N, C-alpha and C. Protein backbone atom coordinates (compact mmCIF):
# COMPACT_ATOMS: atom_id res chain seq x y z
N UNK A 1 -6.93 -2.93 16.86
CA UNK A 1 -5.65 -3.05 17.51
C UNK A 1 -4.63 -3.51 16.47
N UNK A 2 -3.48 -2.87 16.42
CA UNK A 2 -2.38 -3.28 15.58
C UNK A 2 -1.30 -3.81 16.50
N UNK A 3 -0.79 -4.99 16.19
CA UNK A 3 0.23 -5.58 17.05
C UNK A 3 1.37 -6.13 16.21
N UNK A 4 2.48 -6.36 16.84
CA UNK A 4 3.64 -6.94 16.20
C UNK A 4 3.37 -8.41 15.93
N UNK A 5 3.67 -8.86 14.71
CA UNK A 5 3.47 -10.26 14.36
C UNK A 5 4.51 -11.10 15.09
N UNK A 6 4.05 -12.08 15.84
CA UNK A 6 4.95 -12.90 16.63
C UNK A 6 5.42 -14.13 15.88
N UNK A 7 4.57 -14.73 15.05
CA UNK A 7 4.97 -15.90 14.28
C UNK A 7 4.09 -16.04 13.05
N UNK A 8 4.60 -16.67 12.03
CA UNK A 8 3.83 -16.92 10.81
C UNK A 8 2.91 -18.11 11.02
N UNK A 9 1.74 -18.07 10.39
CA UNK A 9 0.83 -19.20 10.41
C UNK A 9 -0.11 -19.28 11.59
N UNK A 10 0.06 -18.46 12.60
CA UNK A 10 -0.82 -18.49 13.77
C UNK A 10 -1.87 -17.40 13.68
N UNK A 11 -2.71 -17.47 12.67
CA UNK A 11 -3.71 -16.42 12.54
C UNK A 11 -5.11 -16.97 12.81
N UNK A 12 -5.96 -16.12 13.31
CA UNK A 12 -7.36 -16.44 13.56
C UNK A 12 -8.18 -15.76 12.47
N UNK A 13 -9.43 -16.15 12.30
CA UNK A 13 -10.26 -15.55 11.24
C UNK A 13 -10.36 -14.02 11.31
N UNK A 14 -10.24 -13.45 12.48
CA UNK A 14 -10.39 -12.00 12.62
C UNK A 14 -9.06 -11.25 12.52
N UNK A 15 -7.98 -11.98 12.25
CA UNK A 15 -6.66 -11.35 12.14
C UNK A 15 -6.38 -11.03 10.67
N UNK A 16 -5.91 -9.81 10.41
CA UNK A 16 -5.49 -9.43 9.07
C UNK A 16 -3.99 -9.19 9.11
N UNK A 17 -3.27 -9.94 8.30
CA UNK A 17 -1.81 -9.82 8.20
C UNK A 17 -1.50 -8.69 7.21
N UNK A 18 -1.06 -7.56 7.73
CA UNK A 18 -0.76 -6.42 6.87
C UNK A 18 0.43 -6.67 5.96
N UNK A 19 1.22 -7.68 6.24
CA UNK A 19 2.38 -8.01 5.42
C UNK A 19 2.03 -8.98 4.29
N UNK A 20 0.82 -9.49 4.29
CA UNK A 20 0.39 -10.45 3.28
C UNK A 20 -0.62 -9.82 2.32
N UNK A 21 -1.17 -10.63 1.43
CA UNK A 21 -2.11 -10.12 0.42
C UNK A 21 -3.36 -9.48 1.01
N UNK A 22 -3.81 -9.96 2.16
CA UNK A 22 -5.02 -9.38 2.75
C UNK A 22 -4.76 -8.02 3.39
N UNK A 23 -3.50 -7.63 3.47
CA UNK A 23 -3.16 -6.35 4.07
C UNK A 23 -2.91 -5.23 3.09
N UNK A 24 -3.07 -5.50 1.78
CA UNK A 24 -2.87 -4.40 0.83
C UNK A 24 -4.05 -3.44 0.89
N UNK A 25 -3.85 -2.25 0.37
CA UNK A 25 -4.85 -1.19 0.49
C UNK A 25 -6.20 -1.60 -0.10
N UNK A 26 -6.17 -2.21 -1.29
CA UNK A 26 -7.44 -2.59 -1.94
C UNK A 26 -8.19 -3.64 -1.14
N UNK A 27 -7.46 -4.58 -0.56
CA UNK A 27 -8.09 -5.62 0.25
C UNK A 27 -8.70 -5.03 1.52
N UNK A 28 -7.98 -4.11 2.17
CA UNK A 28 -8.52 -3.46 3.37
C UNK A 28 -9.78 -2.66 3.03
N UNK A 29 -9.76 -1.97 1.89
CA UNK A 29 -10.95 -1.21 1.46
C UNK A 29 -12.12 -2.15 1.20
N UNK A 30 -11.85 -3.28 0.55
CA UNK A 30 -12.92 -4.25 0.27
C UNK A 30 -13.47 -4.84 1.57
N UNK A 31 -12.58 -5.15 2.51
CA UNK A 31 -13.03 -5.68 3.81
C UNK A 31 -13.88 -4.65 4.53
N UNK A 32 -13.45 -3.40 4.50
CA UNK A 32 -14.22 -2.32 5.14
C UNK A 32 -15.59 -2.19 4.48
N UNK A 33 -15.62 -2.17 3.16
CA UNK A 33 -16.89 -2.00 2.45
C UNK A 33 -17.84 -3.16 2.74
N UNK A 34 -17.33 -4.38 2.71
CA UNK A 34 -18.16 -5.55 2.99
C UNK A 34 -18.69 -5.51 4.42
N UNK A 35 -17.84 -5.16 5.36
CA UNK A 35 -18.25 -5.10 6.76
C UNK A 35 -19.32 -4.04 6.97
N UNK A 36 -19.13 -2.88 6.36
CA UNK A 36 -20.11 -1.80 6.49
C UNK A 36 -21.43 -2.16 5.81
N UNK A 37 -21.35 -2.77 4.64
CA UNK A 37 -22.56 -3.19 3.92
C UNK A 37 -23.33 -4.21 4.74
N UNK A 38 -22.61 -5.20 5.28
CA UNK A 38 -23.25 -6.24 6.08
C UNK A 38 -23.87 -5.69 7.37
N UNK A 39 -23.36 -4.56 7.83
CA UNK A 39 -23.92 -3.96 9.04
C UNK A 39 -25.21 -3.19 8.76
N UNK A 40 -25.52 -3.01 7.48
CA UNK A 40 -26.73 -2.28 7.10
C UNK A 40 -26.55 -0.78 7.04
N UNK A 41 -25.32 -0.31 7.09
CA UNK A 41 -25.05 1.13 7.03
C UNK A 41 -25.47 1.68 5.68
N UNK A 42 -26.12 2.84 5.67
CA UNK A 42 -26.53 3.47 4.41
C UNK A 42 -25.33 3.76 3.50
N UNK A 43 -25.58 3.74 2.20
CA UNK A 43 -24.56 3.91 1.18
C UNK A 43 -23.70 5.15 1.40
N UNK A 44 -24.31 6.29 1.62
CA UNK A 44 -23.54 7.54 1.76
C UNK A 44 -22.61 7.50 2.97
N UNK A 45 -23.05 6.91 4.05
CA UNK A 45 -22.19 6.80 5.24
C UNK A 45 -21.02 5.86 4.97
N UNK A 46 -21.30 4.75 4.28
CA UNK A 46 -20.21 3.83 3.90
C UNK A 46 -19.19 4.54 3.03
N UNK A 47 -19.68 5.28 2.05
CA UNK A 47 -18.78 5.99 1.14
C UNK A 47 -17.95 7.03 1.87
N UNK A 48 -18.52 7.67 2.87
CA UNK A 48 -17.79 8.67 3.64
C UNK A 48 -16.60 8.03 4.37
N UNK A 49 -16.81 6.87 4.96
CA UNK A 49 -15.73 6.17 5.66
C UNK A 49 -14.66 5.72 4.67
N UNK A 50 -15.08 5.18 3.54
CA UNK A 50 -14.12 4.73 2.53
C UNK A 50 -13.32 5.90 1.96
N UNK A 51 -13.97 7.05 1.77
CA UNK A 51 -13.24 8.25 1.31
C UNK A 51 -12.21 8.68 2.35
N UNK A 52 -12.61 8.63 3.62
CA UNK A 52 -11.68 8.98 4.68
C UNK A 52 -10.46 8.06 4.67
N UNK A 53 -10.69 6.77 4.45
CA UNK A 53 -9.58 5.82 4.40
C UNK A 53 -8.64 6.13 3.24
N UNK A 54 -9.19 6.61 2.12
CA UNK A 54 -8.39 6.84 0.90
C UNK A 54 -7.79 8.23 0.79
N UNK A 55 -8.03 9.10 1.74
CA UNK A 55 -7.64 10.50 1.58
C UNK A 55 -6.16 10.77 1.80
N UNK A 56 -5.39 9.78 2.19
CA UNK A 56 -3.96 10.00 2.46
C UNK A 56 -3.19 8.74 2.09
N UNK A 57 -2.08 8.48 2.74
CA UNK A 57 -1.21 7.36 2.40
C UNK A 57 -1.67 6.06 3.07
N UNK A 58 -0.89 5.00 2.84
CA UNK A 58 -1.22 3.68 3.37
C UNK A 58 -1.26 3.67 4.90
N UNK A 59 -0.33 4.37 5.54
CA UNK A 59 -0.34 4.42 7.01
C UNK A 59 -1.64 5.02 7.52
N UNK A 60 -2.13 6.06 6.85
CA UNK A 60 -3.40 6.68 7.23
C UNK A 60 -4.56 5.70 7.01
N UNK A 61 -4.53 4.98 5.89
CA UNK A 61 -5.58 4.01 5.59
C UNK A 61 -5.64 2.95 6.69
N UNK A 62 -4.47 2.44 7.09
CA UNK A 62 -4.42 1.41 8.14
C UNK A 62 -4.93 1.98 9.46
N UNK A 63 -4.49 3.18 9.82
CA UNK A 63 -4.93 3.78 11.09
C UNK A 63 -6.44 4.04 11.09
N UNK A 64 -6.97 4.49 9.95
CA UNK A 64 -8.41 4.73 9.85
C UNK A 64 -9.18 3.43 9.91
N UNK A 65 -8.69 2.40 9.20
CA UNK A 65 -9.33 1.08 9.27
C UNK A 65 -9.38 0.61 10.72
N UNK A 66 -8.25 0.74 11.42
CA UNK A 66 -8.18 0.31 12.81
C UNK A 66 -9.14 1.10 13.70
N UNK A 67 -9.28 2.40 13.44
CA UNK A 67 -10.16 3.20 14.29
C UNK A 67 -11.63 2.80 14.13
N UNK A 68 -12.02 2.40 12.92
CA UNK A 68 -13.41 2.00 12.69
C UNK A 68 -13.66 0.52 12.98
N UNK A 69 -12.68 -0.34 12.71
CA UNK A 69 -12.91 -1.78 12.75
C UNK A 69 -12.02 -2.51 13.75
N UNK A 70 -11.32 -1.77 14.60
CA UNK A 70 -10.39 -2.38 15.55
C UNK A 70 -11.02 -3.36 16.52
N UNK A 71 -12.32 -3.25 16.74
CA UNK A 71 -12.98 -4.22 17.63
C UNK A 71 -13.37 -5.50 16.88
N UNK A 72 -13.37 -5.44 15.55
CA UNK A 72 -13.75 -6.60 14.75
C UNK A 72 -12.56 -7.35 14.16
N UNK A 73 -11.47 -6.63 13.90
CA UNK A 73 -10.29 -7.20 13.26
C UNK A 73 -9.05 -6.82 14.04
N UNK A 74 -8.12 -7.75 14.13
CA UNK A 74 -6.80 -7.46 14.68
C UNK A 74 -5.84 -7.39 13.51
N UNK A 75 -5.12 -6.28 13.41
CA UNK A 75 -4.13 -6.12 12.35
C UNK A 75 -2.77 -6.48 12.92
N UNK A 76 -2.02 -7.30 12.18
CA UNK A 76 -0.68 -7.65 12.64
C UNK A 76 0.32 -7.40 11.53
N UNK A 77 1.55 -7.04 11.94
CA UNK A 77 2.58 -6.69 10.98
C UNK A 77 3.96 -6.77 11.61
N UNK A 78 4.96 -6.83 10.75
CA UNK A 78 6.35 -6.68 11.17
C UNK A 78 6.85 -5.27 10.90
N UNK A 79 6.01 -4.43 10.31
CA UNK A 79 6.37 -3.06 9.95
C UNK A 79 6.13 -2.15 11.16
N UNK A 80 7.19 -1.82 11.85
CA UNK A 80 7.06 -1.05 13.09
C UNK A 80 6.41 0.32 12.87
N UNK A 81 6.56 0.91 11.70
CA UNK A 81 5.97 2.23 11.46
C UNK A 81 4.44 2.18 11.43
N UNK A 82 3.87 0.99 11.28
CA UNK A 82 2.40 0.86 11.27
C UNK A 82 1.82 0.59 12.65
N UNK A 83 2.66 0.23 13.60
CA UNK A 83 2.19 -0.11 14.94
C UNK A 83 1.96 1.18 15.71
N UNK A 84 0.72 1.35 16.15
CA UNK A 84 0.34 2.58 16.85
C UNK A 84 0.65 2.49 18.32
């Protein structure tokens, strides 16, 4: 789920602030890779998801991350173009 950020500093461990350092593309890819690795997913399947995330622009990466990990992480931002 991607939602509009309501206030600064009110984040929970499962919230990723797309406007901060944890919301950059490399950090999202690392979070995805770590989550998939910890789930026991085979290497090739993990790589397939990461390739899908990287195949287009940042908005696509965020939307793909949300589609795979939206039940584990809440993405928040002030960037309205990222809110689905």
